């Protein structure tokens, strides 16, 4: 999923707010990890055609 800079800012703000509202260590860890991913620019998935693999379904080799 590709996020615009405005969407990312809203999500980051929500995570920071939620981070201050809990004392559950697991939840805090998850919030922190997600926030770090967002800030590192890891907010988009690699499209299937850019995953480093090329699929060739051409069966004409037996001609």
C-alpha atoms as a PDB file:
ATOM      1  CA  UNK A   1       0.000   0.000   0.000  1.00  0.00           C
ATOM      2  CA  UNK A   2       1.384   3.374  -0.972  1.00  0.00           C
ATOM      3  CA  UNK A   3       0.701   6.218   1.451  1.00  0.00           C
ATOM      4  CA  UNK A   4       0.753   9.920   0.715  1.00  0.00           C
ATOM      5  CA  UNK A   5       2.838  12.124   2.987  1.00  0.00           C
ATOM      6  CA  UNK A   6      -0.348  13.466   4.604  1.00  0.00           C
ATOM      7  CA  UNK A   7      -1.638   9.949   5.317  1.00  0.00           C
ATOM      8  CA  UNK A   8       1.710   8.937   6.753  1.00  0.00           C
ATOM      9  CA  UNK A   9       1.771  11.999   9.004  1.00  0.00           C
ATOM     10  CA  UNK A  10      -1.709  11.178  10.354  1.00  0.00           C
ATOM     11  CA  UNK A  11      -0.721   7.563  11.048  1.00  0.00           C
ATOM     12  CA  UNK A  12       2.510   8.625  12.754  1.00  0.00           C
ATOM     13  CA  UNK A  13       0.606  11.087  14.944  1.00  0.00           C
ATOM     14  CA  UNK A  14      -1.938   8.409  15.868  1.00  0.00           C
ATOM     15  CA  UNK A  15       0.809   5.939  16.759  1.00  0.00           C
ATOM     16  CA  UNK A  16       2.568   8.501  18.935  1.00  0.00           C
ATOM     17  CA  UNK A  17      -0.713   9.263  20.707  1.00  0.00           C
ATOM     18  CA  UNK A  18      -1.512   5.593  21.215  1.00  0.00           C
ATOM     19  CA  UNK A  19       2.031   5.008  22.465  1.00  0.00           C
ATOM     20  CA  UNK A  20       1.357   7.368  25.373  1.00  0.00           C
ATOM     21  CA  UNK A  21      -1.940   5.728  26.315  1.00  0.00           C
ATOM     22  CA  UNK A  22      -0.795   2.197  27.104  1.00  0.00           C
ATOM     23  CA  UNK A  23       1.548   0.498  29.516  1.00  0.00           C
ATOM     24  CA  UNK A  24       1.437  -2.905  27.781  1.00  0.00           C
ATOM     25  CA  UNK A  25       5.033  -3.596  26.752  1.00  0.00           C
ATOM     26  CA  UNK A  26       4.089  -5.749  23.747  1.00  0.00           C
ATOM     27  CA  UNK A  27       1.760  -3.067  22.419  1.00  0.00           C
ATOM     28  CA  UNK A  28       4.404  -0.394  22.964  1.00  0.00           C
ATOM     29  CA  UNK A  29       6.925  -2.503  21.066  1.00  0.00           C
ATOM     30  CA  UNK A  30       4.528  -2.990  18.131  1.00  0.00           C
ATOM     31  CA  UNK A  31       3.738   0.724  17.969  1.00  0.00           C
ATOM     32  CA  UNK A  32       7.428   1.621  18.052  1.00  0.00           C
ATOM     33  CA  UNK A  33       8.331  -0.893  15.322  1.00  0.00           C
ATOM     34  CA  UNK A  34       5.566   0.321  13.036  1.00  0.00           C
ATOM     35  CA  UNK A  35       6.490   3.939  13.622  1.00  0.00           C
ATOM     36  CA  UNK A  36      10.126   3.190  12.769  1.00  0.00           C
ATOM     37  CA  UNK A  37       9.080   1.407   9.555  1.00  0.00           C
ATOM     38  CA  UNK A  38       6.934   4.342   8.502  1.00  0.00           C
ATOM     39  CA  UNK A  39       9.684   6.836   9.204  1.00  0.00           C
ATOM     40  CA  UNK A  40      12.199   4.699   7.299  1.00  0.00           C
ATOM     41  CA  UNK A  41       9.990   4.825   4.208  1.00  0.00           C
ATOM     42  CA  UNK A  42       8.925   1.192   4.307  1.00  0.00           C
ATOM     43  CA  UNK A  43       5.301   2.054   3.625  1.00  0.00           C
ATOM     44  CA  UNK A  44       4.929   0.496   0.209  1.00  0.00           C
ATOM     45  CA  UNK A  45       4.773  -3.046  -0.973  1.00  0.00           C
ATOM     46  CA  UNK A  46       6.966  -4.183  -3.838  1.00  0.00           C
ATOM     47  CA  UNK A  47       4.818  -4.842  -6.902  1.00  0.00           C
ATOM     48  CA  UNK A  48       4.855  -8.477  -8.012  1.00  0.00           C
ATOM     49  CA  UNK A  49       6.631  -7.669 -11.275  1.00  0.00           C
ATOM     50  CA  UNK A  50       9.500  -5.991  -9.406  1.00  0.00           C
ATOM     51  CA  UNK A  51      10.225  -8.727  -6.893  1.00  0.00           C
ATOM     52  CA  UNK A  52      13.402  -9.879  -8.633  1.00  0.00           C
ATOM     53  CA  UNK A  53      11.817 -12.848 -10.380  1.00  0.00           C
ATOM     54  CA  UNK A  54      10.847 -13.144 -14.015  1.00  0.00           C
ATOM     55  CA  UNK A  55       8.249 -15.706 -14.997  1.00  0.00           C
ATOM     56  CA  UNK A  56       8.401 -16.905 -18.589  1.00  0.00           C
ATOM     57  CA  UNK A  57       5.414 -18.959 -19.626  1.00  0.00           C
ATOM     58  CA  UNK A  58       6.418 -19.281 -23.269  1.00  0.00           C
ATOM     59  CA  UNK A  59       5.939 -22.930 -24.268  1.00  0.00           C
ATOM     60  CA  UNK A  60       7.266 -22.475 -27.805  1.00  0.00           C
ATOM     61  CA  UNK A  61      10.572 -24.179 -26.933  1.00  0.00           C
ATOM     62  CA  UNK A  62       9.142 -27.528 -28.070  1.00  0.00           C
ATOM     63  CA  UNK A  63       8.520 -26.303 -31.652  1.00  0.00           C
END
